[in-house]
């Protein structure tokens, strides 16, 4: 996945930097919230159920309020697109990791480590060009 950003207009929300659409941001936030509610780790089956609920349009993004003007809001997101555009990129960037032995997904700090590595690679490139 390619991350392009403007250093002078950097959003406060990491999801606005990583995902292209608002709907993708919402789904990614829902996934992380769901994982945090389960101690930061969910099984392969639970991930499938989460994706199926999104696909069926059963995922609630806003609870029903006390006023009739605040209806419950649900979100529908295609299951295949969830895996292709949300979960796979999050795994690839190190935000979520999959344990092959336990068959679980867990929230990871590898994304942060990779961003530090990218910064160090840039510093090395600057040093190489400065010497030559």
Protein backbone atom coordinates (compact mmCIF):
# COMPACT_ATOMS: atom_id res chain seq x y z
CA UNK A 1 0.00 0.00 0.00
CA UNK A 2 1.23 3.48 -0.83
CA UNK A 3 0.88 6.27 1.73
CA UNK A 4 1.07 9.78 0.30
CA UNK A 5 0.73 12.79 2.58
CA UNK A 6 1.44 16.50 2.73
CA UNK A 7 3.72 17.39 5.65
CA UNK A 8 2.04 20.79 5.98
CA UNK A 9 -1.52 19.46 6.02
CA UNK A 10 -1.10 16.26 8.00
CA UNK A 11 -4.42 15.12 9.51
CA UNK A 12 -4.53 14.29 13.23
CA UNK A 13 -6.28 10.99 12.49
CA UNK A 14 -3.96 8.22 11.26
CA UNK A 15 -6.85 6.58 9.39
CA UNK A 16 -7.27 9.69 7.20
CA UNK A 17 -3.65 9.28 6.10
CA UNK A 18 -3.82 5.56 5.42
CA UNK A 19 -7.24 4.99 3.86
CA UNK A 20 -8.56 6.61 0.69
CA UNK A 21 -12.25 6.92 1.57
CA UNK A 22 -14.25 7.90 4.64
CA UNK A 23 -16.08 4.56 4.55
CA UNK A 24 -12.75 2.70 4.70
CA UNK A 25 -11.71 4.85 7.67
CA UNK A 26 -14.94 4.02 9.50
CA UNK A 27 -14.63 0.27 8.84
CA UNK A 28 -10.97 0.21 9.95
CA UNK A 29 -11.86 2.07 13.16
CA UNK A 30 -14.74 -0.35 13.78
CA UNK A 31 -12.39 -3.30 13.33
CA UNK A 32 -9.83 -1.92 15.79
CA UNK A 33 -12.57 -1.03 18.30
CA UNK A 34 -13.91 -4.58 18.02
CA UNK A 35 -10.43 -6.01 18.52
CA UNK A 36 -9.75 -3.78 21.56
CA UNK A 37 -13.05 -4.93 23.08
CA UNK A 38 -11.62 -8.46 22.83
CA UNK A 39 -8.25 -7.68 24.47
CA UNK A 40 -6.66 -6.69 21.15
CA UNK A 41 -6.91 -10.20 19.69
CA UNK A 42 -9.61 -12.10 17.79
CA UNK A 43 -9.77 -15.48 16.13
CA UNK A 44 -10.08 -16.22 12.44
CA UNK A 45 -13.74 -17.20 12.92
CA UNK A 46 -14.52 -13.97 14.77
CA UNK A 47 -12.94 -11.99 11.93
CA UNK A 48 -15.14 -13.87 9.47
CA UNK A 49 -18.23 -13.09 11.54
CA UNK A 50 -17.23 -9.41 11.70
CA UNK A 51 -16.83 -9.33 7.89
CA UNK A 52 -20.14 -11.17 7.38
CA UNK A 53 -21.98 -8.70 9.64
CA UNK A 54 -20.53 -5.82 7.63
CA UNK A 55 -21.56 -7.51 4.39
CA UNK A 56 -25.11 -8.08 5.66
CA UNK A 57 -25.42 -4.45 6.76
CA UNK A 58 -25.78 -5.36 10.43
CA UNK A 59 -22.82 -3.33 11.71
CA UNK A 60 -24.03 -0.43 13.85
CA UNK A 61 -21.97 2.76 13.57
CA UNK A 62 -24.27 4.94 15.67
CA UNK A 63 -26.57 3.71 18.43
CA UNK A 64 -30.17 4.90 18.48
CA UNK A 65 -30.47 8.09 20.51
CA UNK A 66 -33.24 9.18 22.85
CA UNK A 67 -34.67 11.52 20.23
CA UNK A 68 -36.52 10.25 17.13
CA UNK A 69 -34.15 12.49 15.17
CA UNK A 70 -31.24 10.25 16.20
CA UNK A 71 -31.96 6.91 14.50
CA UNK A 72 -29.65 3.93 14.67
CA UNK A 73 -27.19 4.03 11.77
CA UNK A 74 -25.90 0.86 10.18
CA UNK A 75 -23.11 0.34 7.69
CA UNK A 76 -22.83 -2.15 4.86
CA UNK A 77 -19.43 -3.03 3.40
CA UNK A 78 -18.69 -5.81 0.92
CA UNK A 79 -16.92 -8.78 2.53
CA UNK A 80 -14.37 -9.24 -0.28
CA UNK A 81 -13.59 -5.51 -0.27
CA UNK A 82 -13.17 -5.65 3.51
CA UNK A 83 -10.45 -8.26 3.16
CA UNK A 84 -8.86 -6.59 0.10
CA UNK A 85 -8.98 -2.93 1.15
CA UNK A 86 -9.00 -2.99 4.96
CA UNK A 87 -7.59 -6.16 6.54
CA UNK A 88 -4.89 -7.06 4.00
CA UNK A 89 -3.37 -3.55 3.92
CA UNK A 90 -3.49 -3.32 7.72
CA UNK A 91 -1.67 -6.66 7.94
CA UNK A 92 0.81 -5.65 5.26
CA UNK A 93 1.70 -2.41 7.05
CA UNK A 94 2.02 -4.11 10.43
CA UNK A 95 -1.02 -2.57 12.13
CA UNK A 96 -2.50 -6.04 12.62
CA UNK A 97 -0.61 -9.33 12.65
CA UNK A 98 -1.85 -12.86 12.10
CA UNK A 99 -0.53 -15.72 14.24
CA UNK A 100 -0.46 -18.84 12.03
CA UNK A 101 -0.24 -21.22 14.99
CA UNK A 102 -3.00 -19.76 17.15
CA UNK A 103 -5.02 -18.62 14.09
CA UNK A 104 -5.65 -15.22 15.65
CA UNK A 105 -5.39 -11.61 14.55
CA UNK A 106 -3.90 -9.14 17.01
CA UNK A 107 -3.26 -5.40 17.08
CA UNK A 108 0.45 -4.82 16.56
CA UNK A 109 3.03 -2.05 17.00
CA UNK A 110 5.00 -3.15 13.92
CA UNK A 111 3.55 -0.26 11.89
CA UNK A 112 5.34 2.20 14.18
CA UNK A 113 8.58 0.25 13.91
CA UNK A 114 8.32 0.23 10.11
CA UNK A 115 7.74 4.00 9.98
CA UNK A 116 10.89 4.48 12.08
CA UNK A 117 12.78 2.18 9.69
CA UNK A 118 11.55 4.21 6.69
CA UNK A 119 12.77 7.41 8.37
CA UNK A 120 16.18 5.84 9.02
CA UNK A 121 16.38 4.68 5.39
CA UNK A 122 15.78 8.28 4.30
CA UNK A 123 18.54 9.53 6.64
CA UNK A 124 20.97 6.96 5.17
CA UNK A 125 20.05 8.13 1.66
CA UNK A 126 20.76 11.73 2.66
CA UNK A 127 24.14 10.72 4.10
CA UNK A 128 25.09 8.82 0.92
CA UNK A 129 24.28 11.76 -1.32
CA UNK A 130 26.05 14.21 0.99
CA UNK A 131 29.33 12.25 0.80
CA UNK A 132 29.34 11.70 -2.96
